[in-house]
N, C-alpha and C. Protein backbone atom coordinates (compact mmCIF):
# COMPACT_ATOMS: atom_id res chain seq x y z
N UNK A 1 46.71 27.12 -9.61
CA UNK A 1 45.95 27.52 -8.41
C UNK A 1 45.61 26.23 -7.61
N UNK A 2 45.60 26.42 -6.42
CA UNK A 2 45.32 25.20 -5.52
C UNK A 2 44.04 25.47 -4.70
N UNK A 3 43.43 24.34 -4.35
CA UNK A 3 42.29 24.31 -3.48
C UNK A 3 40.98 24.81 -4.23
N UNK A 4 40.93 24.78 -5.51
CA UNK A 4 39.77 25.22 -6.20
C UNK A 4 38.58 24.23 -6.13
N UNK A 5 38.93 22.94 -5.99
CA UNK A 5 37.87 21.89 -5.95
C UNK A 5 37.00 22.06 -4.74
N UNK A 6 37.41 22.70 -3.66
CA UNK A 6 36.52 22.84 -2.51
C UNK A 6 35.40 23.89 -2.78
N UNK A 7 35.54 24.58 -3.90
CA UNK A 7 34.49 25.56 -4.26
C UNK A 7 33.46 24.96 -5.27
N UNK A 8 33.76 23.82 -5.73
CA UNK A 8 32.84 23.12 -6.61
C UNK A 8 31.76 22.47 -5.75
N UNK A 9 30.56 22.76 -6.02
CA UNK A 9 29.43 22.13 -5.25
C UNK A 9 28.65 21.29 -6.12
N UNK A 10 28.33 20.04 -5.58
CA UNK A 10 27.50 19.06 -6.40
C UNK A 10 26.15 19.08 -5.77
N UNK A 11 25.13 19.30 -6.55
CA UNK A 11 23.76 19.37 -6.07
C UNK A 11 23.10 18.02 -6.01
N UNK A 12 23.35 17.29 -4.90
CA UNK A 12 22.81 15.88 -4.78
C UNK A 12 21.31 15.78 -4.93
N UNK A 13 20.63 16.79 -4.34
CA UNK A 13 19.15 16.82 -4.36
C UNK A 13 18.66 16.82 -5.76
N UNK A 14 19.19 17.71 -6.58
CA UNK A 14 18.80 17.87 -7.97
C UNK A 14 19.16 16.51 -8.73
N UNK A 15 20.39 16.03 -8.53
CA UNK A 15 20.80 14.92 -9.28
C UNK A 15 19.94 13.67 -8.97
N UNK A 16 19.62 13.49 -7.71
CA UNK A 16 18.92 12.21 -7.21
C UNK A 16 17.36 12.32 -7.33
N UNK A 17 16.80 13.43 -7.60
CA UNK A 17 15.42 13.69 -7.49
C UNK A 17 14.54 12.70 -8.29
N UNK A 18 14.98 12.41 -9.51
CA UNK A 18 14.20 11.60 -10.41
C UNK A 18 14.94 10.23 -10.63
N UNK A 19 15.55 9.73 -9.67
CA UNK A 19 16.28 8.35 -9.72
C UNK A 19 15.78 7.51 -8.73
N UNK A 20 15.85 6.21 -9.11
CA UNK A 20 15.69 5.11 -8.15
C UNK A 20 16.93 4.32 -7.95
N UNK A 21 17.16 3.80 -6.75
CA UNK A 21 18.32 3.14 -6.35
C UNK A 21 17.93 1.77 -5.77
N UNK A 22 18.77 0.72 -6.22
CA UNK A 22 18.47 -0.63 -5.64
C UNK A 22 19.80 -1.07 -5.06
N UNK A 23 19.72 -1.55 -3.76
CA UNK A 23 20.96 -2.06 -3.11
C UNK A 23 21.49 -3.32 -3.88
N UNK A 24 22.78 -3.42 -3.82
CA UNK A 24 23.52 -4.62 -4.53
C UNK A 24 24.22 -5.32 -3.44
N UNK A 25 24.99 -4.59 -2.63
CA UNK A 25 25.78 -5.30 -1.63
C UNK A 25 26.25 -4.23 -0.54
N UNK A 26 26.67 -4.75 0.62
CA UNK A 26 27.13 -4.00 1.68
C UNK A 26 28.51 -4.44 2.04
N UNK A 27 29.54 -3.61 2.26
CA UNK A 27 30.86 -3.95 2.72
C UNK A 27 31.29 -2.98 3.78
N UNK A 28 32.43 -3.27 4.34
CA UNK A 28 33.03 -2.42 5.32
C UNK A 28 33.64 -1.27 4.61
N UNK A 29 33.49 -0.07 5.28
CA UNK A 29 34.19 1.19 4.75
C UNK A 29 35.35 1.43 5.72
N UNK A 30 36.51 1.33 5.22
CA UNK A 30 37.79 1.50 6.05
C UNK A 30 38.54 2.61 5.49
N UNK A 31 39.33 3.26 6.44
CA UNK A 31 40.28 4.29 5.96
C UNK A 31 41.63 3.51 5.55
N UNK A 32 42.56 4.25 5.02
CA UNK A 32 43.76 3.60 4.53
C UNK A 32 44.53 2.76 5.62
N UNK A 33 44.34 3.21 6.89
CA UNK A 33 44.97 2.45 7.95
C UNK A 33 44.30 1.19 8.42
N UNK A 34 43.18 0.97 7.79
CA UNK A 34 42.38 -0.29 8.09
C UNK A 34 41.37 -0.04 9.14
N UNK A 35 41.18 1.16 9.68
CA UNK A 35 40.19 1.37 10.73
C UNK A 35 38.86 1.48 10.06
N UNK A 36 37.93 0.74 10.71
CA UNK A 36 36.46 0.64 10.15
C UNK A 36 35.72 1.99 10.39
N UNK A 37 35.27 2.57 9.40
CA UNK A 37 34.58 3.93 9.54
C UNK A 37 32.99 3.69 9.43
N UNK A 38 32.62 2.55 8.97
CA UNK A 38 31.15 2.36 8.78
C UNK A 38 31.02 1.36 7.67
N UNK A 39 29.99 1.59 6.91
CA UNK A 39 29.65 0.60 5.81
C UNK A 39 29.58 1.33 4.47
N UNK A 40 29.82 0.59 3.46
CA UNK A 40 29.55 1.13 2.10
C UNK A 40 28.41 0.32 1.50
N UNK A 41 27.36 1.01 1.02
CA UNK A 41 26.23 0.35 0.44
C UNK A 41 26.35 0.67 -1.05
N UNK A 42 26.56 -0.37 -1.86
CA UNK A 42 26.68 -0.22 -3.33
C UNK A 42 25.26 -0.35 -3.84
N UNK A 43 24.91 0.55 -4.75
CA UNK A 43 23.53 0.63 -5.28
C UNK A 43 23.60 0.77 -6.87
N UNK A 44 22.55 0.34 -7.46
CA UNK A 44 22.40 0.43 -8.87
C UNK A 44 21.32 1.52 -9.07
N UNK A 45 21.53 2.41 -10.10
CA UNK A 45 20.48 3.35 -10.44
C UNK A 45 19.56 2.57 -11.41
N UNK A 46 18.33 2.35 -10.88
CA UNK A 46 17.29 1.57 -11.65
C UNK A 46 16.26 2.41 -12.32
N UNK A 47 16.28 3.63 -12.07
CA UNK A 47 15.37 4.58 -12.78
C UNK A 47 16.03 5.88 -12.89
N UNK A 48 16.08 6.50 -14.07
CA UNK A 48 16.77 7.72 -14.33
C UNK A 48 15.88 8.64 -15.23
N UNK A 49 15.01 9.44 -14.60
CA UNK A 49 14.13 10.33 -15.31
C UNK A 49 14.68 11.77 -15.28
N UNK A 50 15.81 12.00 -14.92
CA UNK A 50 16.49 13.27 -14.81
C UNK A 50 16.56 13.93 -16.16
N UNK A 51 16.22 15.23 -16.27
CA UNK A 51 16.32 16.02 -17.48
C UNK A 51 17.73 16.54 -17.44
N UNK A 52 18.67 16.04 -18.36
CA UNK A 52 19.96 16.44 -18.49
C UNK A 52 20.18 17.48 -19.62
N UNK A 53 19.02 17.98 -20.07
CA UNK A 53 19.06 19.10 -20.99
C UNK A 53 19.37 18.78 -22.55
N UNK A 54 19.48 17.44 -22.79
CA UNK A 54 19.73 17.07 -24.20
C UNK A 54 19.11 15.66 -24.39
N UNK A 55 18.51 15.47 -25.49
CA UNK A 55 17.86 14.10 -25.74
C UNK A 55 18.82 13.02 -25.78
N UNK A 56 20.10 13.29 -26.23
CA UNK A 56 21.13 12.25 -26.24
C UNK A 56 21.52 11.85 -24.84
N UNK A 57 21.25 12.58 -23.85
CA UNK A 57 21.63 12.25 -22.43
C UNK A 57 20.46 11.59 -21.74
N UNK A 58 19.33 11.33 -22.34
CA UNK A 58 18.15 10.72 -21.65
C UNK A 58 18.69 9.38 -20.96
N UNK A 59 18.33 9.39 -19.75
CA UNK A 59 18.62 8.16 -18.86
C UNK A 59 20.24 7.88 -18.91
N UNK A 60 20.93 8.94 -18.99
CA UNK A 60 22.40 8.83 -19.07
C UNK A 60 23.03 7.99 -17.95
N UNK A 61 22.51 7.93 -16.79
CA UNK A 61 23.04 7.22 -15.58
C UNK A 61 22.35 5.94 -15.27
N UNK A 62 21.46 5.53 -16.10
CA UNK A 62 20.64 4.24 -15.76
C UNK A 62 21.62 3.11 -15.80
N UNK A 63 21.48 2.33 -14.71
CA UNK A 63 22.35 1.19 -14.42
C UNK A 63 23.79 1.51 -14.08
N UNK A 64 24.07 2.69 -13.77
CA UNK A 64 25.37 3.04 -13.26
C UNK A 64 25.36 2.72 -11.69
N UNK A 65 26.48 2.50 -11.13
CA UNK A 65 26.54 2.15 -9.73
C UNK A 65 26.93 3.40 -8.94
N UNK A 66 26.42 3.52 -7.70
CA UNK A 66 26.73 4.53 -6.78
C UNK A 66 27.06 3.81 -5.40
N UNK A 67 28.00 4.36 -4.74
CA UNK A 67 28.35 3.79 -3.43
C UNK A 67 28.12 4.86 -2.39
N UNK A 68 27.20 4.47 -1.44
CA UNK A 68 26.89 5.34 -0.37
C UNK A 68 27.70 4.93 0.87
N UNK A 69 28.49 5.89 1.42
CA UNK A 69 29.25 5.57 2.64
C UNK A 69 28.44 6.09 3.78
N UNK A 70 28.20 5.12 4.72
CA UNK A 70 27.45 5.45 5.90
C UNK A 70 28.43 5.27 7.16
N UNK A 71 28.61 6.29 7.91
CA UNK A 71 29.52 6.28 9.02
C UNK A 71 29.06 5.54 10.32
N UNK A 72 28.38 4.48 10.15
CA UNK A 72 27.90 3.62 11.24
C UNK A 72 27.59 2.31 10.68
N UNK A 73 27.35 1.30 11.53
CA UNK A 73 27.07 -0.02 11.12
C UNK A 73 25.53 -0.15 10.88
N UNK A 74 25.19 -0.58 9.67
CA UNK A 74 23.67 -0.75 9.28
C UNK A 74 23.59 -2.04 8.50
N UNK A 75 22.41 -2.59 8.40
CA UNK A 75 22.18 -3.75 7.63
C UNK A 75 21.17 -3.35 6.51
N UNK A 76 21.53 -3.69 5.27
CA UNK A 76 20.70 -3.38 4.17
C UNK A 76 20.65 -4.68 3.31
N UNK A 77 19.42 -5.23 3.09
CA UNK A 77 19.43 -6.41 2.34
C UNK A 77 19.70 -6.19 0.85
N UNK A 78 20.18 -7.16 0.11
CA UNK A 78 20.31 -6.88 -1.41
C UNK A 78 18.96 -6.84 -2.15
N UNK A 79 18.98 -6.24 -3.22
CA UNK A 79 17.88 -6.03 -4.08
C UNK A 79 16.59 -5.43 -3.53
N UNK A 80 16.82 -4.38 -2.78
CA UNK A 80 15.70 -3.68 -2.23
C UNK A 80 15.89 -2.18 -2.77
N UNK A 81 14.77 -1.49 -2.88
CA UNK A 81 14.87 -0.04 -3.25
C UNK A 81 15.28 0.78 -1.98
N UNK A 82 16.21 1.59 -2.14
CA UNK A 82 16.74 2.33 -1.01
C UNK A 82 16.87 3.89 -1.39
N UNK A 83 17.08 4.59 -0.35
CA UNK A 83 17.12 6.10 -0.56
C UNK A 83 18.05 6.53 0.58
N UNK A 84 19.02 7.48 0.13
CA UNK A 84 19.83 8.09 1.17
C UNK A 84 18.94 8.89 2.20
N UNK A 85 19.40 8.96 3.38
CA UNK A 85 18.57 9.71 4.36
C UNK A 85 19.41 10.57 5.21
N UNK A 86 18.90 11.75 5.56
CA UNK A 86 19.63 12.71 6.40
C UNK A 86 20.55 13.57 5.64
N UNK A 87 21.66 13.98 6.24
CA UNK A 87 22.57 14.88 5.52
C UNK A 87 23.38 14.09 4.45
N UNK A 88 23.35 14.52 3.27
CA UNK A 88 24.14 13.85 2.18
C UNK A 88 25.23 14.82 1.71
N UNK A 89 26.48 14.30 1.62
CA UNK A 89 27.53 15.03 1.12
C UNK A 89 28.16 14.29 -0.06
N UNK A 90 27.99 15.00 -1.29
CA UNK A 90 28.45 14.30 -2.50
C UNK A 90 29.48 15.21 -3.10
N UNK A 91 30.54 14.57 -3.58
CA UNK A 91 31.71 15.24 -4.16
C UNK A 91 32.08 14.48 -5.44
N UNK A 92 32.26 15.42 -6.52
CA UNK A 92 32.75 14.91 -7.76
C UNK A 92 34.27 14.90 -7.75
N UNK A 93 34.90 13.82 -8.20
CA UNK A 93 36.41 13.76 -8.27
C UNK A 93 36.87 13.04 -9.51
N UNK A 94 38.10 12.85 -9.65
CA UNK A 94 38.75 12.11 -10.74
C UNK A 94 39.29 12.98 -11.80
N UNK A 95 40.21 12.38 -12.55
CA UNK A 95 40.79 13.18 -13.67
C UNK A 95 39.95 13.72 -14.67
N UNK A 96 38.77 13.05 -14.90
CA UNK A 96 37.74 13.45 -15.89
C UNK A 96 36.55 14.07 -15.16
N UNK A 97 36.67 14.27 -13.84
CA UNK A 97 35.41 14.70 -13.03
C UNK A 97 34.23 13.90 -13.29
N UNK A 98 34.43 12.52 -13.37
CA UNK A 98 33.40 11.62 -13.60
C UNK A 98 33.15 10.60 -12.59
N UNK A 99 33.68 10.74 -11.37
CA UNK A 99 33.51 9.91 -10.22
C UNK A 99 32.73 10.69 -9.15
N UNK A 100 32.00 9.92 -8.41
CA UNK A 100 31.11 10.56 -7.43
C UNK A 100 31.32 9.86 -6.08
N UNK A 101 31.64 10.56 -5.00
CA UNK A 101 31.78 10.07 -3.66
C UNK A 101 30.63 10.61 -2.87
N UNK A 102 29.86 9.73 -2.27
CA UNK A 102 28.59 10.10 -1.58
C UNK A 102 28.63 9.51 -0.14
N UNK A 103 28.54 10.51 0.88
CA UNK A 103 28.53 10.05 2.24
C UNK A 103 27.17 10.50 2.77
N UNK A 104 26.49 9.59 3.45
CA UNK A 104 25.16 9.78 4.01
C UNK A 104 25.06 9.50 5.41
N UNK A 105 24.02 10.05 6.13
CA UNK A 105 23.73 9.68 7.46
C UNK A 105 23.27 8.32 7.70
N UNK A 106 22.27 7.90 6.73
CA UNK A 106 21.66 6.65 6.87
C UNK A 106 21.04 6.29 5.52
N UNK A 107 20.57 4.99 5.40
CA UNK A 107 19.89 4.54 4.25
C UNK A 107 18.46 4.04 4.68
N UNK A 108 17.62 4.53 3.92
CA UNK A 108 16.12 4.20 4.15
C UNK A 108 15.79 3.11 3.10
N UNK A 109 15.13 2.00 3.60
CA UNK A 109 14.63 0.95 2.74
C UNK A 109 13.24 1.39 2.31
N UNK A 110 13.09 1.66 0.98
CA UNK A 110 11.88 2.17 0.42
C UNK A 110 10.90 1.01 0.14
N UNK A 111 11.51 -0.08 -0.39
CA UNK A 111 10.61 -1.19 -0.75
C UNK A 111 11.38 -2.54 -0.14
N UNK A 112 10.60 -3.25 0.60
CA UNK A 112 11.13 -4.48 1.17
C UNK A 112 11.47 -5.49 0.11
N UNK A 113 12.29 -6.51 0.43
CA UNK A 113 12.70 -7.52 -0.64
C UNK A 113 11.37 -8.35 -0.99
N UNK A 114 11.38 -8.70 -2.28
CA UNK A 114 10.21 -9.51 -2.75
C UNK A 114 10.43 -10.94 -2.42
N UNK A 115 9.40 -11.64 -1.97
CA UNK A 115 9.52 -13.03 -1.59
C UNK A 115 8.91 -13.95 -2.65
């Protein structure tokens, strides 16, 4: 059967509810032709209090990286707490369904850089 993946819905709100994200770096987001689509904000999950339903999975995604694709130019300093803002579209992909693609409208800086 074809096209089944478009019926799989990833609940970003539930997944991200009990997580903290820290910015690591920002780079250009380009399509395969080289056209700039916006920026990619790479973030580290610094807090994972999500209940995955099993004690063995406690903090299962702590220190995993997430890349937020933002379809416009923004500046996000490194090592600040961030949160995706606006409409979030998250899709699971990969042979083992263990990759996550996240496109967001904007990134909110929750905590300014420490001096």
